[in-house]
Amino acid sequence: VVYVARNAKDVAVSYYHFYHMAKVHPEPGTWDSFLEKFMAGEVSYGSWYQHVHEWWELSRTHPVLYLFYEDMKENPKREIQKILEFVGRSLPEETVNFMVQHTSFKEMKKNPMTNYTTIPQDLMDHSISPFMRKGMAGDWKTTFTVAQNERFDADYAEKMAGCSLSFRSEL
């Protein structure tokens, strides 16, 4: 299993926009109320904290390659090399470079197979928000208020206490 985790703050913001555009989800309400639901794990797919923590622990004892979105943004070639090593493969440099190019956020955002623009509008309304919005690490800062950030940090510290997992919230 290759598991990719992203910092919780950027996930919360991204998820809020996804809730707006993906019509299978209930209307998310205000950002503040959605953030409270996210922290409580009362969103579709459950608790971010539980999910990342359980996979982190599993990666200690099972063949799970645990990667971080922020690392992939920072150095995609290095992360592709980690995947190749994990699956016991090697590829020519030009193939790896091709992979780096075509798995970039910019390229994937243009690709209908990855940006979900082929999904009917009554299921995913891209006029509200594109499925692939910004792909930035640290963009949470444009949405969180100071008070929300402090509340989130306290909740994060409580829920992730004792876990050796560490995220970067920006590049």
Protein backbone atom coordinates (compact mmCIF):
# COMPACT_ATOMS: atom_id res chain seq x y z
CA VAL A 1 0.00 0.00 0.00
CA VAL A 2 1.20 3.49 -0.84
CA TYR A 3 -0.47 5.96 1.52
CA VAL A 4 -0.31 9.71 0.90
CA ALA A 5 -1.17 12.02 3.79
CA ARG A 6 -1.61 15.78 3.73
CA ASN A 7 -1.53 18.22 6.63
CA ALA A 8 -4.88 18.52 8.37
CA LYS A 9 -5.39 22.25 7.88
CA ASP A 10 -5.06 22.10 4.10
CA VAL A 11 -7.22 18.96 4.05
CA ALA A 12 -9.97 20.74 6.00
CA VAL A 13 -10.01 23.70 3.58
CA SER A 14 -9.89 21.46 0.52
CA TYR A 15 -12.61 19.24 1.94
CA TYR A 16 -14.84 22.25 2.61
CA HIS A 17 -14.65 23.25 -1.06
CA PHE A 18 -15.17 19.62 -2.11
CA TYR A 19 -18.32 19.45 0.03
CA HIS A 20 -19.68 22.48 -1.84
CA MET A 21 -19.09 21.08 -5.32
CA ALA A 22 -19.73 17.35 -4.78
CA LYS A 23 -23.49 17.06 -4.63
CA VAL A 24 -23.38 13.68 -2.87
CA HIS A 25 -22.43 15.56 0.31
CA PRO A 26 -24.77 17.65 2.42
CA GLU A 27 -24.35 21.43 2.23
CA PRO A 28 -21.33 22.14 4.46
CA GLY A 29 -22.69 25.27 6.13
CA THR A 30 -20.30 27.99 7.19
CA TRP A 31 -16.56 27.44 7.18
CA ASP A 32 -16.53 27.77 10.97
CA SER A 33 -19.21 25.10 11.49
CA PHE A 34 -17.59 22.80 8.93
CA LEU A 35 -14.22 23.14 10.66
CA GLU A 36 -15.80 22.08 13.96
CA LYS A 37 -17.35 19.04 12.24
CA PHE A 38 -14.01 18.20 10.62
CA MET A 39 -12.21 18.34 13.98
CA ALA A 40 -14.92 16.14 15.53
CA GLY A 41 -14.66 13.61 12.69
CA GLU A 42 -18.30 14.28 11.78
CA VAL A 43 -17.69 14.48 8.04
CA SER A 44 -17.98 11.90 5.29
CA TYR A 45 -15.19 9.33 5.52
CA GLY A 46 -14.75 10.02 9.24
CA SER A 47 -11.92 11.39 11.29
CA TRP A 48 -8.77 12.63 9.54
CA TYR A 49 -6.87 12.14 12.81
CA GLN A 50 -7.88 8.51 13.18
CA HIS A 51 -7.22 7.73 9.54
CA VAL A 52 -3.70 9.14 9.32
CA HIS A 53 -2.75 7.83 12.75
CA GLU A 54 -3.93 4.28 12.11
CA TRP A 55 -2.15 4.09 8.75
CA TRP A 56 1.00 5.54 10.35
CA GLU A 57 0.97 2.82 13.01
CA LEU A 58 0.26 0.16 10.40
CA SER A 59 3.22 1.37 8.33
CA ARG A 60 5.47 0.48 11.27
CA THR A 61 4.60 -3.23 11.04
CA HIS A 62 3.28 -3.80 7.52
CA PRO A 63 4.46 -3.04 3.98
CA VAL A 64 2.97 0.44 3.76
CA LEU A 65 4.88 3.30 2.16
CA TYR A 66 3.76 6.43 4.00
CA LEU A 67 4.27 9.55 1.90
CA PHE A 68 3.42 13.19 2.50
CA TYR A 69 1.72 15.51 0.03
CA GLU A 70 4.02 18.35 1.02
CA ASP A 71 7.09 16.23 0.22
CA MET A 72 5.58 15.35 -3.15
CA LYS A 73 5.07 19.04 -3.90
CA GLU A 74 8.58 19.90 -2.76
CA ASN A 75 10.46 17.16 -4.61
CA PRO A 76 8.26 14.89 -6.75
CA LYS A 77 11.20 13.07 -8.29
CA ARG A 78 12.49 11.99 -4.88
CA GLU A 79 9.04 10.71 -3.90
CA ILE A 80 8.62 8.79 -7.17
CA GLN A 81 12.00 7.18 -6.49
CA LYS A 82 10.72 6.13 -3.05
CA ILE A 83 7.71 4.47 -4.68
CA LEU A 84 9.90 2.69 -7.23
CA GLU A 85 12.17 1.41 -4.47
CA PHE A 86 9.14 0.30 -2.43
CA VAL A 87 7.77 -1.79 -5.32
CA GLY A 88 11.22 -3.09 -6.24
CA ARG A 89 11.46 -1.40 -9.62
CA SER A 90 13.78 0.96 -11.41
CA LEU A 91 13.06 3.07 -14.44
CA PRO A 92 15.20 5.06 -16.85
CA GLU A 93 15.75 8.70 -15.90
CA GLU A 94 13.70 9.94 -18.86
CA THR A 95 10.72 7.83 -17.74
CA VAL A 96 10.94 9.20 -14.21
CA ASN A 97 11.13 12.74 -15.60
CA PHE A 98 8.05 12.00 -17.74
CA MET A 99 6.24 10.82 -14.61
CA VAL A 100 7.25 13.95 -12.72
CA GLN A 101 5.89 16.14 -15.51
CA HIS A 102 2.59 14.30 -15.95
CA THR A 103 1.83 13.91 -12.26
CA SER A 104 2.36 17.60 -11.52
CA PHE A 105 -0.67 19.43 -10.17
CA LYS A 106 -0.63 21.74 -13.20
CA GLU A 107 -0.82 18.83 -15.66
CA MET A 108 -3.31 16.80 -13.64
CA LYS A 109 -5.59 19.83 -13.28
CA LYS A 110 -5.85 19.94 -17.11
CA ASN A 111 -6.47 16.19 -17.47
CA PRO A 112 -10.18 15.18 -17.54
CA MET A 113 -9.24 11.75 -16.19
CA THR A 114 -7.87 13.30 -12.99
CA ASN A 115 -9.82 16.56 -12.65
CA TYR A 116 -13.23 14.82 -12.83
CA THR A 117 -14.69 17.21 -15.40
CA THR A 118 -16.23 14.18 -17.12
CA ILE A 119 -18.49 13.62 -14.10
CA PRO A 120 -22.01 15.02 -14.66
CA GLN A 121 -22.57 18.50 -13.20
CA ASP A 122 -25.44 17.30 -11.01
CA LEU A 123 -22.87 15.15 -9.16
CA MET A 124 -19.84 17.47 -9.22
CA ASP A 125 -20.51 21.11 -9.98
CA HIS A 126 -17.21 22.55 -11.18
CA SER A 127 -18.81 26.00 -11.52
CA ILE A 128 -18.92 26.11 -7.70
CA SER A 129 -15.36 24.88 -7.24
CA PRO A 130 -13.09 22.77 -9.42
CA PHE A 131 -12.19 19.34 -8.05
CA MET A 132 -8.54 20.31 -8.29
CA ARG A 133 -8.44 23.86 -6.93
CA LYS A 134 -4.96 25.08 -5.97
CA GLY A 135 -2.89 22.13 -4.78
CA MET A 136 -0.79 24.39 -2.57
CA ALA A 137 0.79 23.49 0.73
CA GLY A 138 0.00 26.15 3.32
CA ASP A 139 -3.03 27.68 1.60
CA TRP A 140 -5.01 27.09 4.81
CA LYS A 141 -3.61 30.46 5.96
CA THR A 142 -5.95 32.24 3.53
CA THR A 143 -9.01 30.65 5.18
CA PHE A 144 -8.31 30.07 8.89
CA THR A 145 -8.76 32.97 11.28
CA VAL A 146 -6.25 33.35 14.12
CA ALA A 147 -8.85 32.01 16.57
CA GLN A 148 -9.65 29.01 14.35
CA ASN A 149 -5.95 28.26 13.97
CA GLU A 150 -5.42 28.34 17.75
CA ARG A 151 -8.48 26.13 18.33
CA PHE A 152 -7.34 23.71 15.63
CA ASP A 153 -3.79 23.53 17.00
CA ALA A 154 -5.11 22.70 20.48
CA ASP A 155 -7.45 20.03 19.10
CA TYR A 156 -4.65 18.59 16.96
CA ALA A 157 -2.26 18.43 19.92
CA GLU A 158 -4.86 16.60 21.99
CA LYS A 159 -5.86 14.09 19.31
CA MET A 160 -2.34 13.38 18.04
CA ALA A 161 -0.69 13.21 21.47
CA GLY A 162 1.73 10.30 21.67
CA CYS A 163 1.91 9.87 17.90
CA SER A 164 5.32 10.24 16.28
CA LEU A 165 3.72 11.38 13.01
CA SER A 166 4.77 14.88 12.02
CA PHE A 167 3.30 17.10 9.30
CA ARG A 168 4.49 20.30 7.69
CA SER A 169 1.74 22.88 7.34
CA GLU A 170 3.59 24.83 4.64
CA LEU A 171 6.60 24.61 2.35
